[in-house]
Protein backbone atom coordinates (compact mmCIF):
# COMPACT_ATOMS: atom_id res chain seq x y z
CA MET A 1 151.25 100.68 61.79
CA ASN A 2 147.52 101.05 62.27
CA ILE A 3 147.13 102.21 65.86
CA ALA A 4 143.33 102.40 65.62
CA ALA A 5 143.14 98.72 64.66
CA ILE A 6 145.32 97.74 67.63
CA GLY A 7 143.16 99.83 69.97
CA ASN A 8 139.97 98.23 68.61
CA SER A 9 141.34 94.70 69.00
CA ASN A 10 142.33 95.43 72.60
CA LEU A 11 138.88 96.88 73.22
CA THR A 12 137.26 93.76 71.79
CA LEU A 13 139.34 91.55 74.08
CA ALA A 14 138.48 93.72 77.08
CA VAL A 15 134.75 93.55 76.29
CA SER A 16 134.84 89.76 75.86
CA ASP A 17 136.75 89.43 79.16
CA THR A 18 134.15 91.63 80.83
CA GLY A 19 131.38 89.42 79.46
CA SER A 20 132.99 86.27 80.82
CA MET A 21 133.63 87.96 84.18
CA ASN A 22 129.96 88.99 84.32
CA ALA A 23 128.96 85.39 83.66
CA ILE A 24 131.26 84.17 86.43
CA ASP A 25 129.95 86.84 88.80
CA MET A 26 126.36 85.86 88.05
CA ALA A 27 127.11 82.17 88.64
CA MET A 28 128.73 82.97 91.98
CA LEU A 29 125.79 85.16 92.96
CA LYS A 30 123.35 82.37 92.10
CA LYS A 31 125.33 79.92 94.25
CA SER A 32 125.32 82.41 97.13
CA LEU A 33 121.60 82.99 96.84
CA ASP A 34 120.94 79.25 96.79
CA ALA A 35 123.02 78.84 99.95
CA VAL A 36 121.18 81.68 101.69
CA GLU A 37 117.83 80.18 100.69
CA THR A 38 118.84 76.77 102.04
CA ASN A 39 120.08 78.27 105.30
CA GLY A 40 116.86 80.26 105.65
CA ALA A 41 114.79 77.11 105.23
CA MET A 42 116.88 75.32 107.84
CA ILE A 43 116.54 78.20 110.30
CA THR A 44 112.78 78.25 109.76
CA GLN A 45 112.60 74.52 110.44
CA MET A 46 114.70 74.87 113.61
CA MET A 47 112.46 77.69 114.86
CA GLU A 48 109.34 75.62 114.22
CA GLN A 49 110.80 72.74 116.19
CA SER A 50 111.76 75.00 119.07
CA VAL A 51 108.11 76.01 119.55
CA ASN A 52 107.15 72.35 120.17
CA PRO A 53 110.42 70.73 121.25
CA ASN A 54 108.80 67.54 122.60
CA ILE A 55 106.98 66.57 119.42
CA GLY A 56 108.50 63.34 118.14
CA ALA A 57 110.79 62.96 121.14
CA ASN A 58 108.77 60.13 122.77
CA ILE A 59 107.37 57.01 121.18
CA ASP A 60 104.66 55.07 123.02
CA ILE A 61 104.71 51.39 122.12
CA ARG A 62 101.96 49.21 123.56
CA LEU A 63 101.01 45.73 122.45
């Protein structure tokens, strides 16, 4: 029985699993960053509206 060959095959599987886990981790991180960016933009918009809360609240219609 070649113990070195068994150890190398297990190491290869572990490295490939690590690579796929890194890819999954990176995808999850990208999703999180996109969500944070979207929330930041929404907070910025809400803060801008709070400075002038009456803008767009009234419509004057005269014929």
